[in-house]
Amino acid sequence: MDINTARSIFTVATFMAFVGIVMWAYSRSNRHDLEDAGKLPFDDEELSVGQSKKVGGSNE
Protein backbone atom coordinates (compact mmCIF):
# COMPACT_ATOMS: atom_id res chain seq x y z
CA MET A 1 0.00 0.00 0.00
CA ASP A 2 1.48 3.32 -1.02
CA ILE A 3 1.03 6.66 0.73
CA ASN A 4 -1.76 7.85 -1.59
CA THR A 5 -3.92 4.84 -0.75
CA ALA A 6 -3.41 5.45 2.95
CA ARG A 7 -4.32 9.13 2.51
CA SER A 8 -7.46 8.18 0.60
CA ILE A 9 -8.55 5.72 3.30
CA PHE A 10 -7.91 8.30 6.01
CA THR A 11 -9.87 10.95 4.08
CA VAL A 12 -12.86 8.66 3.61
CA ALA A 13 -12.79 7.56 7.27
CA THR A 14 -12.62 11.17 8.45
CA PHE A 15 -15.50 12.18 6.18
CA MET A 16 -17.60 9.27 7.47
CA ALA A 17 -16.89 10.35 11.06
CA PHE A 18 -17.93 13.91 10.19
CA VAL A 19 -21.18 12.72 8.61
CA GLY A 20 -21.86 10.56 11.67
CA ILE A 21 -21.36 13.49 14.04
CA VAL A 22 -23.64 15.70 11.95
CA MET A 23 -26.34 13.00 11.89
CA TRP A 24 -26.03 12.60 15.67
CA ALA A 25 -26.24 16.35 16.26
CA TYR A 26 -29.37 16.76 14.15
CA SER A 27 -31.16 13.60 15.30
CA ARG A 28 -34.55 14.06 16.91
CA SER A 29 -33.54 12.18 20.05
CA ASN A 30 -30.97 14.89 20.91
CA ARG A 31 -33.11 17.87 19.99
CA HIS A 32 -34.39 18.66 23.49
CA ASP A 33 -30.97 18.38 25.17
CA LEU A 34 -29.22 20.45 22.52
CA GLU A 35 -31.90 23.16 22.56
CA ASP A 36 -31.51 23.43 26.34
CA ALA A 37 -27.73 23.64 25.98
CA GLY A 38 -28.11 26.30 23.28
CA LYS A 39 -30.16 28.48 25.62
CA LEU A 40 -27.60 28.44 28.45
CA PRO A 41 -25.75 31.61 27.35
CA PHE A 42 -29.04 33.51 27.47
CA ASP A 43 -30.01 32.30 30.95
CA ASP A 44 -31.54 35.11 33.00
CA GLU A 45 -29.49 34.37 36.09
CA GLU A 46 -26.67 36.86 36.41
CA LEU A 47 -23.76 35.94 38.61
CA SER A 48 -21.73 38.47 40.50
CA VAL A 49 -17.95 38.40 40.34
CA GLY A 50 -16.55 35.49 42.33
CA GLN A 51 -19.71 33.39 42.22
CA SER A 52 -20.13 30.28 40.17
CA LYS A 53 -23.16 28.26 39.26
CA LYS A 54 -23.37 25.04 41.27
CA VAL A 55 -24.16 21.94 39.27
CA GLY A 56 -25.30 18.75 40.90
CA GLY A 57 -25.98 18.11 44.57
CA SER A 58 -25.90 20.59 47.38
CA ASN A 59 -22.46 21.03 48.90
CA GLU A 60 -23.07 23.92 51.25
Foldseek 3Di string as FASTA:
>chain_A
DDPVVVVVVVVVVVVVVVVVVVCVVPPPVCVVVVVVVVCVVVDPDDDDPPDDDDPDDDDD
